[in-house]
C-alpha atoms as a PDB file:
ATOM      1  CA  UNK A   1     186.554 100.945 179.875  1.00  0.00           C
ATOM      2  CA  UNK A   2     184.938  99.440 176.957  1.00  0.00           C
ATOM      3  CA  UNK A   3     184.142 101.169 173.648  1.00  0.00           C
ATOM      4  CA  UNK A   4     180.436 101.363 174.310  1.00  0.00           C
ATOM      5  CA  UNK A   5     181.150 103.133 177.774  1.00  0.00           C
ATOM      6  CA  UNK A   6     183.630 105.285 176.632  1.00  0.00           C
ATOM      7  CA  UNK A   7     181.374 106.491 173.593  1.00  0.00           C
ATOM      8  CA  UNK A   8     178.429 107.212 176.027  1.00  0.00           C
ATOM      9  CA  UNK A   9     180.738 109.630 178.547  1.00  0.00           C
ATOM     10  CA  UNK A  10     181.910 111.116 175.419  1.00  0.00           C
ATOM     11  CA  UNK A  11     178.730 112.195 174.328  1.00  0.00           C
ATOM     12  CA  UNK A  12     177.539 113.031 177.809  1.00  0.00           C
ATOM     13  CA  UNK A  13     180.711 115.646 177.711  1.00  0.00           C
ATOM     14  CA  UNK A  14     179.844 117.133 174.303  1.00  0.00           C
ATOM     15  CA  UNK A  15     176.277 118.024 175.669  1.00  0.00           C
ATOM     16  CA  UNK A  16     177.710 119.671 178.674  1.00  0.00           C
ATOM     17  CA  UNK A  17     180.233 121.617 176.288  1.00  0.00           C
ATOM     18  CA  UNK A  18     177.245 122.843 174.648  1.00  0.00           C
ATOM     19  CA  UNK A  19     175.553 124.283 177.515  1.00  0.00           C
ATOM     20  CA  UNK A  20     178.433 125.727 179.616  1.00  0.00           C
ATOM     21  CA  UNK A  21     181.085 127.105 177.120  1.00  0.00           C
ATOM     22  CA  UNK A  22     179.518 130.635 175.976  1.00  0.00           C
ATOM     23  CA  UNK A  23     180.292 131.519 172.060  1.00  0.00           C
ATOM     24  CA  UNK A  24     180.970 127.953 171.134  1.00  0.00           C
ATOM     25  CA  UNK A  25     179.307 126.573 168.121  1.00  0.00           C
ATOM     26  CA  UNK A  26     177.439 123.470 169.565  1.00  0.00           C
ATOM     27  CA  UNK A  27     177.137 121.506 166.454  1.00  0.00           C
ATOM     28  CA  UNK A  28     181.414 121.949 165.919  1.00  0.00           C
ATOM     29  CA  UNK A  29     181.939 120.875 169.301  1.00  0.00           C
ATOM     30  CA  UNK A  30     179.823 117.998 168.936  1.00  0.00           C
ATOM     31  CA  UNK A  31     181.863 117.039 165.695  1.00  0.00           C
ATOM     32  CA  UNK A  32     185.250 117.340 167.120  1.00  0.00           C
ATOM     33  CA  UNK A  33     184.585 115.438 170.031  1.00  0.00           C
ATOM     34  CA  UNK A  34     182.862 112.582 167.820  1.00  0.00           C
ATOM     35  CA  UNK A  35     186.076 112.897 165.631  1.00  0.00           C
ATOM     36  CA  UNK A  36     188.525 112.522 168.562  1.00  0.00           C
ATOM     37  CA  UNK A  37     186.456 109.489 170.102  1.00  0.00           C
ATOM     38  CA  UNK A  38     186.048 107.268 166.602  1.00  0.00           C
ATOM     39  CA  UNK A  39     188.594 104.750 165.548  1.00  0.00           C
ATOM     40  CA  UNK A  40     189.673 105.001 161.858  1.00  0.00           C
ATOM     41  CA  UNK A  41     187.362 102.083 161.034  1.00  0.00           C
ATOM     42  CA  UNK A  42     184.263 103.555 162.876  1.00  0.00           C
ATOM     43  CA  UNK A  43     184.993 107.085 161.199  1.00  0.00           C
ATOM     44  CA  UNK A  44     185.120 105.199 157.744  1.00  0.00           C
ATOM     45  CA  UNK A  45     182.153 103.044 157.869  1.00  0.00           C
ATOM     46  CA  UNK A  46     179.644 105.116 160.040  1.00  0.00           C
ATOM     47  CA  UNK A  47     176.673 103.407 161.848  1.00  0.00           C
ATOM     48  CA  UNK A  48     173.563 103.130 159.606  1.00  0.00           C
ATOM     49  CA  UNK A  49     170.693 105.676 160.494  1.00  0.00           C
ATOM     50  CA  UNK A  50     168.143 104.109 162.524  1.00  0.00           C
ATOM     51  CA  UNK A  51     164.791 102.750 160.713  1.00  0.00           C
ATOM     52  CA  UNK A  52     161.740 103.861 161.888  1.00  0.00           C
ATOM     53  CA  UNK A  53     159.078 100.767 161.356  1.00  0.00           C
ATOM     54  CA  UNK A  54     155.417 101.368 161.814  1.00  0.00           C
ATOM     55  CA  UNK A  55     153.807  99.202 164.058  1.00  0.00           C
ATOM     56  CA  UNK A  56     151.579  96.710 162.166  1.00  0.00           C
ATOM     57  CA  UNK A  57     147.864  97.463 161.873  1.00  0.00           C
ATOM     58  CA  UNK A  58     145.559  96.032 164.279  1.00  0.00           C
ATOM     59  CA  UNK A  59     142.486  94.626 162.510  1.00  0.00           C
ATOM     60  CA  UNK A  60     139.411  93.484 164.445  1.00  0.00           C
ATOM     61  CA  UNK A  61     138.013  90.088 163.200  1.00  0.00           C
ATOM     62  CA  UNK A  62     134.383  91.140 164.605  1.00  0.00           C
ATOM     63  CA  UNK A  63     131.695  92.304 162.127  1.00  0.00           C
ATOM     64  CA  UNK A  64     131.079  95.996 162.774  1.00  0.00           C
ATOM     65  CA  UNK A  65     126.765  95.787 162.933  1.00  0.00           C
ATOM     66  CA  UNK A  66     125.036  98.836 162.470  1.00  0.00           C
ATOM     67  CA  UNK A  67     121.446  99.189 163.999  1.00  0.00           C
ATOM     68  CA  UNK A  68     118.980  99.381 161.659  1.00  0.00           C
ATOM     69  CA  UNK A  69     116.246 102.078 161.411  1.00  0.00           C
ATOM     70  CA  UNK A  70     113.136 101.742 163.171  1.00  0.00           C
ATOM     71  CA  UNK A  71     110.207 100.398 161.005  1.00  0.00           C
ATOM     72  CA  UNK A  72     107.879 103.419 160.368  1.00  0.00           C
ATOM     73  CA  UNK A  73     104.326 103.341 162.364  1.00  0.00           C
ATOM     74  CA  UNK A  74     101.479 102.101 160.386  1.00  0.00           C
ATOM     75  CA  UNK A  75      99.154 104.708 159.791  1.00  0.00           C
ATOM     76  CA  UNK A  76      96.281 104.727 162.532  1.00  0.00           C
ATOM     77  CA  UNK A  77      92.507 105.295 161.582  1.00  0.00           C
ATOM     78  CA  UNK A  78      91.322 104.225 164.925  1.00  0.00           C
ATOM     79  CA  UNK A  79      91.092 107.774 166.412  1.00  0.00           C
ATOM     80  CA  UNK A  80      88.188 108.796 164.062  1.00  0.00           C
ATOM     81  CA  UNK A  81      86.207 106.174 165.569  1.00  0.00           C
ATOM     82  CA  UNK A  82      86.913 107.708 168.781  1.00  0.00           C
ATOM     83  CA  UNK A  83      86.119 111.409 167.672  1.00  0.00           C
ATOM     84  CA  UNK A  84      82.795 110.817 166.058  1.00  0.00           C
ATOM     85  CA  UNK A  85      79.830 110.554 168.455  1.00  0.00           C
ATOM     86  CA  UNK A  86      77.375 108.896 165.775  1.00  0.00           C
ATOM     87  CA  UNK A  87      77.545 106.826 162.988  1.00  0.00           C
ATOM     88  CA  UNK A  88      76.108 109.797 160.769  1.00  0.00           C
ATOM     89  CA  UNK A  89      78.967 112.126 162.430  1.00  0.00           C
ATOM     90  CA  UNK A  90      81.708 109.603 161.120  1.00  0.00           C
ATOM     91  CA  UNK A  91      80.060 109.583 157.841  1.00  0.00           C
ATOM     92  CA  UNK A  92      80.412 113.173 157.656  1.00  0.00           C
ATOM     93  CA  UNK A  93      84.269 112.898 158.529  1.00  0.00           C
ATOM     94  CA  UNK A  94      85.518 110.575 155.786  1.00  0.00           C
ATOM     95  CA  UNK A  95      86.741 111.951 152.630  1.00  0.00           C
ATOM     96  CA  UNK A  96      84.493 110.435 149.963  1.00  0.00           C
ATOM     97  CA  UNK A  97      86.421 112.257 147.257  1.00  0.00           C
ATOM     98  CA  UNK A  98      89.406 110.230 148.052  1.00  0.00           C
ATOM     99  CA  UNK A  99      91.113 107.953 144.915  1.00  0.00           C
ATOM    100  CA  UNK A 100      89.564 104.554 145.757  1.00  0.00           C
ATOM    101  CA  UNK A 101      90.769 101.143 144.736  1.00  0.00           C
ATOM    102  CA  UNK A 102      88.634  98.786 142.429  1.00  0.00           C
ATOM    103  CA  UNK A 103      87.633  96.394 145.677  1.00  0.00           C
ATOM    104  CA  UNK A 104      86.659  99.414 147.446  1.00  0.00           C
ATOM    105  CA  UNK A 105      84.275 100.342 144.491  1.00  0.00           C
ATOM    106  CA  UNK A 106      82.836  97.019 144.360  1.00  0.00           C
ATOM    107  CA  UNK A 107      81.893  97.126 147.946  1.00  0.00           C
ATOM    108  CA  UNK A 108      80.536 100.748 147.649  1.00  0.00           C
ATOM    109  CA  UNK A 109      78.552 100.061 144.775  1.00  0.00           C
ATOM    110  CA  UNK A 110      76.907  97.046 146.383  1.00  0.00           C
ATOM    111  CA  UNK A 111      75.847  99.471 149.314  1.00  0.00           C
ATOM    112  CA  UNK A 112      74.821 101.940 146.687  1.00  0.00           C
ATOM    113  CA  UNK A 113      72.364  99.616 145.083  1.00  0.00           C
ATOM    114  CA  UNK A 114      71.429  97.144 147.689  1.00  0.00           C
ATOM    115  CA  UNK A 115      70.727  99.947 150.592  1.00  0.00           C
ATOM    116  CA  UNK A 116      70.899 103.380 149.325  1.00  0.00           C
ATOM    117  CA  UNK A 117      67.548 103.983 150.539  1.00  0.00           C
ATOM    118  CA  UNK A 118      68.142 102.601 154.061  1.00  0.00           C
ATOM    119  CA  UNK A 119      69.294 104.097 157.418  1.00  0.00           C
ATOM    120  CA  UNK A 120      73.290 104.611 157.721  1.00  0.00           C
ATOM    121  CA  UNK A 121      73.241 101.398 160.004  1.00  0.00           C
ATOM    122  CA  UNK A 122      71.192  99.575 157.310  1.00  0.00           C
ATOM    123  CA  UNK A 123      73.734 100.222 154.587  1.00  0.00           C
ATOM    124  CA  UNK A 124      76.631  99.536 156.961  1.00  0.00           C
ATOM    125  CA  UNK A 125      75.313  96.178 157.793  1.00  0.00           C
ATOM    126  CA  UNK A 126      75.223  95.357 153.920  1.00  0.00           C
ATOM    127  CA  UNK A 127      78.850  96.326 153.782  1.00  0.00           C
ATOM    128  CA  UNK A 128      79.448  94.236 156.623  1.00  0.00           C
ATOM    129  CA  UNK A 129      78.105  91.226 155.374  1.00  0.00           C
ATOM    130  CA  UNK A 130      80.713  91.587 152.252  1.00  0.00           C
ATOM    131  CA  UNK A 131      83.704  92.068 154.461  1.00  0.00           C
ATOM    132  CA  UNK A 132      82.669  89.028 156.607  1.00  0.00           C
ATOM    133  CA  UNK A 133      82.269  86.855 153.331  1.00  0.00           C
ATOM    134  CA  UNK A 134      85.746  87.705 152.415  1.00  0.00           C
ATOM    135  CA  UNK A 135      86.915  86.347 155.674  1.00  0.00           C
ATOM    136  CA  UNK A 136      84.552  83.022 155.192  1.00  0.00           C
ATOM    137  CA  UNK A 137      86.472  80.153 153.134  1.00  0.00           C
ATOM    138  CA  UNK A 138      82.593  79.590 151.579  1.00  0.00           C
ATOM    139  CA  UNK A 139      82.965  82.656 149.444  1.00  0.00           C
ATOM    140  CA  UNK A 140      85.457  84.294 147.304  1.00  0.00           C
ATOM    141  CA  UNK A 141      88.393  86.178 149.014  1.00  0.00           C
ATOM    142  CA  UNK A 142      87.888  89.742 147.440  1.00  0.00           C
ATOM    143  CA  UNK A 143      84.867  92.374 147.592  1.00  0.00           C
ATOM    144  CA  UNK A 144      84.521  92.312 143.995  1.00  0.00           C
ATOM    145  CA  UNK A 145      84.582  88.726 144.083  1.00  0.00           C
ATOM    146  CA  UNK A 146      81.954  88.356 146.566  1.00  0.00           C
ATOM    147  CA  UNK A 147      79.724  91.022 144.791  1.00  0.00           C
ATOM    148  CA  UNK A 148      80.198  89.201 141.211  1.00  0.00           C
ATOM    149  CA  UNK A 149      79.288  85.929 142.622  1.00  0.00           C
ATOM    150  CA  UNK A 150      76.580  84.151 140.359  1.00  0.00           C
ATOM    151  CA  UNK A 151      73.140  84.545 142.112  1.00  0.00           C
ATOM    152  CA  UNK A 152      74.062  86.445 145.098  1.00  0.00           C
ATOM    153  CA  UNK A 153      73.135  89.998 144.200  1.00  0.00           C
ATOM    154  CA  UNK A 154      70.020  90.777 142.179  1.00  0.00           C
ATOM    155  CA  UNK A 155      71.579  93.892 140.778  1.00  0.00           C
ATOM    156  CA  UNK A 156      74.522  92.584 138.842  1.00  0.00           C
ATOM    157  CA  UNK A 157      73.859  92.248 135.163  1.00  0.00           C
ATOM    158  CA  UNK A 158      76.269  89.477 134.866  1.00  0.00           C
ATOM    159  CA  UNK A 159      79.702  90.384 135.980  1.00  0.00           C
ATOM    160  CA  UNK A 160      78.950  94.290 135.643  1.00  0.00           C
ATOM    161  CA  UNK A 161      77.148  96.885 137.807  1.00  0.00           C
ATOM    162  CA  UNK A 162      74.420  99.339 136.339  1.00  0.00           C
ATOM    163  CA  UNK A 163      75.809 102.615 136.122  1.00  0.00           C
ATOM    164  CA  UNK A 164      76.498 104.597 138.948  1.00  0.00           C
ATOM    165  CA  UNK A 165      75.425 108.073 139.538  1.00  0.00           C
ATOM    166  CA  UNK A 166      78.693 109.088 141.285  1.00  0.00           C
ATOM    167  CA  UNK A 167      77.886 112.700 141.861  1.00  0.00           C
ATOM    168  CA  UNK A 168      75.096 112.019 143.751  1.00  0.00           C
ATOM    169  CA  UNK A 169      74.766 112.136 147.688  1.00  0.00           C
ATOM    170  CA  UNK A 170      73.975 108.652 147.717  1.00  0.00           C
ATOM    171  CA  UNK A 171      76.939 107.438 146.012  1.00  0.00           C
ATOM    172  CA  UNK A 172      79.010 109.742 148.555  1.00  0.00           C
ATOM    173  CA  UNK A 173      77.268 108.088 151.680  1.00  0.00           C
ATOM    174  CA  UNK A 174      77.968 104.773 149.941  1.00  0.00           C
ATOM    175  CA  UNK A 175      81.681 105.459 149.482  1.00  0.00           C
ATOM    176  CA  UNK A 176      81.888 106.435 153.072  1.00  0.00           C
ATOM    177  CA  UNK A 177      80.007 103.533 154.431  1.00  0.00           C
ATOM    178  CA  UNK A 178      82.218 101.307 152.412  1.00  0.00           C
ATOM    179  CA  UNK A 179      85.469 102.995 153.753  1.00  0.00           C
ATOM    180  CA  UNK A 180      84.298 102.596 157.399  1.00  0.00           C
ATOM    181  CA  UNK A 181      83.262  98.774 157.026  1.00  0.00           C
ATOM    182  CA  UNK A 182      86.643  98.320 155.151  1.00  0.00           C
ATOM    183  CA  UNK A 183      88.646  99.817 158.039  1.00  0.00           C
ATOM    184  CA  UNK A 184      86.307  98.569 160.965  1.00  0.00           C
ATOM    185  CA  UNK A 185      86.054 102.001 162.235  1.00  0.00           C
ATOM    186  CA  UNK A 186      82.239 101.170 163.606  1.00  0.00           C
ATOM    187  CA  UNK A 187      80.515  98.176 165.019  1.00  0.00           C
ATOM    188  CA  UNK A 188      77.807  96.900 163.195  1.00  0.00           C
ATOM    189  CA  UNK A 189      74.621  95.641 164.089  1.00  0.00           C
ATOM    190  CA  UNK A 190      75.036  92.831 161.621  1.00  0.00           C
ATOM    191  CA  UNK A 191      78.001  91.471 163.459  1.00  0.00           C
ATOM    192  CA  UNK A 192      79.629  88.245 161.737  1.00  0.00           C
ATOM    193  CA  UNK A 193      76.894  87.656 159.485  1.00  0.00           C
ATOM    194  CA  UNK A 194      77.337  86.374 156.011  1.00  0.00           C
ATOM    195  CA  UNK A 195      73.520  85.937 154.546  1.00  0.00           C
ATOM    196  CA  UNK A 196      70.624  88.570 154.699  1.00  0.00           C
ATOM    197  CA  UNK A 197      67.323  89.127 152.810  1.00  0.00           C
ATOM    198  CA  UNK A 198      64.794  91.641 152.453  1.00  0.00           C
ATOM    199  CA  UNK A 199      62.130  91.216 154.885  1.00  0.00           C
ATOM    200  CA  UNK A 200      59.157  90.867 152.413  1.00  0.00           C
ATOM    201  CA  UNK A 201      60.638  87.616 151.167  1.00  0.00           C
ATOM    202  CA  UNK A 202      61.499  84.238 153.090  1.00  0.00           C
ATOM    203  CA  UNK A 203      64.057  82.224 151.319  1.00  0.00           C
ATOM    204  CA  UNK A 204      64.167  78.559 152.009  1.00  0.00           C
ATOM    205  CA  UNK A 205      68.043  78.666 153.257  1.00  0.00           C
ATOM    206  CA  UNK A 206      66.794  81.360 156.077  1.00  0.00           C
ATOM    207  CA  UNK A 207      65.668  78.486 158.249  1.00  0.00           C
ATOM    208  CA  UNK A 208      68.667  76.820 158.418  1.00  0.00           C
ATOM    209  CA  UNK A 209      70.611  79.943 159.371  1.00  0.00           C
ATOM    210  CA  UNK A 210      71.048  81.947 162.849  1.00  0.00           C
ATOM    211  CA  UNK A 211      69.423  85.248 162.602  1.00  0.00           C
ATOM    212  CA  UNK A 212      71.334  88.160 163.998  1.00  0.00           C
ATOM    213  CA  UNK A 213      69.512  90.991 163.327  1.00  0.00           C
ATOM    214  CA  UNK A 214      66.869  93.123 161.322  1.00  0.00           C
ATOM    215  CA  UNK A 215      67.858  96.523 160.313  1.00  0.00           C
ATOM    216  CA  UNK A 216      65.072  98.483 158.345  1.00  0.00           C
ATOM    217  CA  UNK A 217      64.137  96.161 155.264  1.00  0.00           C
ATOM    218  CA  UNK A 218      67.010  93.644 155.544  1.00  0.00           C
ATOM    219  CA  UNK A 219      67.301  90.318 157.933  1.00  0.00           C
ATOM    220  CA  UNK A 220      70.874  89.422 158.734  1.00  0.00           C
ATOM    221  CA  UNK A 221      71.945  85.789 159.357  1.00  0.00           C
ATOM    222  CA  UNK A 222      75.062  83.658 160.541  1.00  0.00           C
END
């Protein structure tokens, strides 16, 4: 029997002794059996304890991609249009006291000076012309640029507007109309018009334009 086989048999015998021999210290039996079975060389030079080597960590080369948060939905202004039964009702629903940009103030100012005495449809048509001009390459790209363009609006004093009575009901309506036109909340009878004039004058350019509508004291052209 080889040394390896004998050693295994000895260990098995010791294990059996620790179970079957009552009152005997199992550790003592194990020590005695091991001493009997080892050669002098083995007793002098015990085998080194087994070393536990941790497994090499497994790295994943694929990138970990986290989903981006969903983009917030833009504010919706269209429901105001569906809730209003008329332009008058819609004007009453707009908060005219809300802070305004300089651009909206230019648009509201043009409505105030050019059409504040007209029905709301006429005021909206004037605002719509200014909005349309900013989208037409023949005119400036901003409301203030359109209003300040030389020779276009007779109420202008160079590049400045006259003083506005901003506590008046007329100004509040003009502000509401400007916001409605800017956000496209109500369809104007002026449609795609980019020109208009008072009906009591007849400028030469009107003969070369397409007439779209007449609303109170203004005639609108494309």
